[in-house]
Amino acid sequence: MKPVIAIIVLVGVYLFYPTYDLLVKDSPFDETFALYDSQFLTADRCRDAAMEMKLRYFHCAGGNIWGGLLSTYGSYQPENRYGDSELSKKEKHE
């Protein structure tokens, strides 16, 4: 019985524990962030990494597996959300 409870707890931690992505923009006038690094276990480690790299305009966005599965974070797929925005698509066609 104890191994089953341990497995349930580990699956729960895996599904609900947040991880953080480091998002960066080059200047304060840019409208979109670019994904710079991902899978930080705490927001403090994400901020520390940004400070070590001396990034000025950054954001640590959190999410978890459960939210990604149910889409409760509103399309939190870093490749889709930060990789190629509508703004950059318009700039490419012009």
Protein backbone atom coordinates (compact mmCIF):
# COMPACT_ATOMS: atom_id res chain seq x y z
CA MET A 1 0.00 0.00 0.00
CA LYS A 2 2.85 2.40 0.79
CA PRO A 3 4.39 2.12 -2.72
CA VAL A 4 1.03 3.01 -4.28
CA ILE A 5 0.70 6.10 -2.10
CA ALA A 6 4.29 7.08 -2.93
CA ILE A 7 3.59 6.73 -6.66
CA ILE A 8 0.41 8.82 -6.38
CA VAL A 9 2.31 11.55 -4.51
CA LEU A 10 5.12 11.57 -7.09
CA VAL A 11 2.66 11.79 -9.98
CA GLY A 12 0.85 14.64 -8.21
CA VAL A 13 4.09 16.54 -7.70
CA TYR A 14 5.06 15.96 -11.33
CA LEU A 15 1.72 17.25 -12.61
CA PHE A 16 1.23 20.22 -10.32
CA TYR A 17 4.70 21.50 -9.42
CA PRO A 18 5.37 24.72 -11.36
CA THR A 19 8.41 25.26 -13.54
CA TYR A 20 9.50 28.65 -14.82
CA ASP A 21 10.67 29.88 -18.22
CA LEU A 22 12.97 32.86 -18.64
CA LEU A 23 11.55 35.25 -21.22
CA VAL A 24 13.64 38.13 -22.53
CA LYS A 25 13.11 41.16 -24.72
CA ASP A 26 15.86 43.36 -26.13
CA SER A 27 14.42 46.76 -25.30
CA PRO A 28 11.51 48.17 -23.33
CA PHE A 29 9.83 49.09 -26.61
CA ASP A 30 9.60 45.51 -27.90
CA GLU A 31 6.11 44.07 -27.58
CA THR A 32 7.04 40.40 -27.47
CA PHE A 33 9.26 38.28 -25.28
CA ALA A 34 11.53 35.54 -26.62
CA LEU A 35 12.08 32.28 -24.78
CA TYR A 36 15.67 32.33 -23.54
CA ASP A 37 15.84 29.40 -21.11
CA SER A 38 13.33 27.06 -19.50
CA GLN A 39 12.58 24.50 -16.80
CA PHE A 40 13.71 26.43 -13.72
CA LEU A 41 12.30 24.82 -10.58
CA THR A 42 11.87 28.08 -8.66
CA ALA A 43 11.22 31.69 -9.62
CA ASP A 44 14.28 32.73 -7.60
CA ARG A 45 16.56 30.55 -9.72
CA CYS A 46 15.01 32.03 -12.85
CA ARG A 47 15.65 35.57 -11.59
CA ASP A 48 19.17 34.68 -10.47
CA ALA A 49 19.96 33.30 -13.93
CA ALA A 50 18.73 36.55 -15.50
CA MET A 51 20.85 38.59 -13.10
CA GLU A 52 23.94 36.48 -13.81
CA MET A 53 23.48 37.07 -17.53
CA LYS A 54 22.88 40.76 -16.80
CA LEU A 55 19.57 40.83 -18.63
CA ARG A 56 17.61 44.04 -18.19
CA TYR A 57 14.15 43.22 -19.54
CA PHE A 58 13.06 39.76 -18.52
CA HIS A 59 10.07 37.90 -17.13
CA CYS A 60 9.83 34.52 -15.39
CA ALA A 61 6.65 32.81 -16.55
CA GLY A 62 5.39 29.83 -14.56
CA GLY A 63 3.39 26.84 -15.66
CA ASN A 64 2.89 23.19 -14.89
CA ILE A 65 2.15 19.96 -16.75
CA TRP A 66 -1.48 19.85 -15.63
CA GLY A 67 -2.17 23.34 -16.93
CA GLY A 68 -0.58 22.46 -20.25
CA LEU A 69 -2.68 19.33 -20.59
CA LEU A 70 -5.95 21.13 -19.91
CA SER A 71 -4.96 24.39 -21.61
CA THR A 72 -5.91 26.37 -18.51
CA TYR A 73 -3.02 28.76 -19.08
CA GLY A 74 -4.35 30.00 -22.37
CA SER A 75 -2.00 28.45 -24.91
CA TYR A 76 1.07 28.20 -22.75
CA GLN A 77 3.22 26.42 -25.26
CA PRO A 78 6.48 28.38 -25.29
CA GLU A 79 7.19 27.55 -28.93
CA ASN A 80 3.79 28.80 -30.05
CA ARG A 81 3.39 31.66 -27.61
CA TYR A 82 6.85 33.21 -27.78
CA GLY A 83 8.46 31.72 -30.86
CA ASP A 84 6.65 33.41 -33.73
CA SER A 85 4.17 36.14 -32.86
CA GLU A 86 1.59 37.71 -35.13
CA LEU A 87 3.61 40.92 -35.09
CA SER A 88 6.69 39.22 -36.49
CA LYS A 89 4.58 37.48 -39.15
CA LYS A 90 3.31 40.85 -40.33
CA GLU A 91 6.84 42.24 -40.45
CA LYS A 92 8.05 39.31 -42.55
CA HIS A 93 5.39 39.90 -45.23
CA GLU A 94 6.10 43.60 -45.56
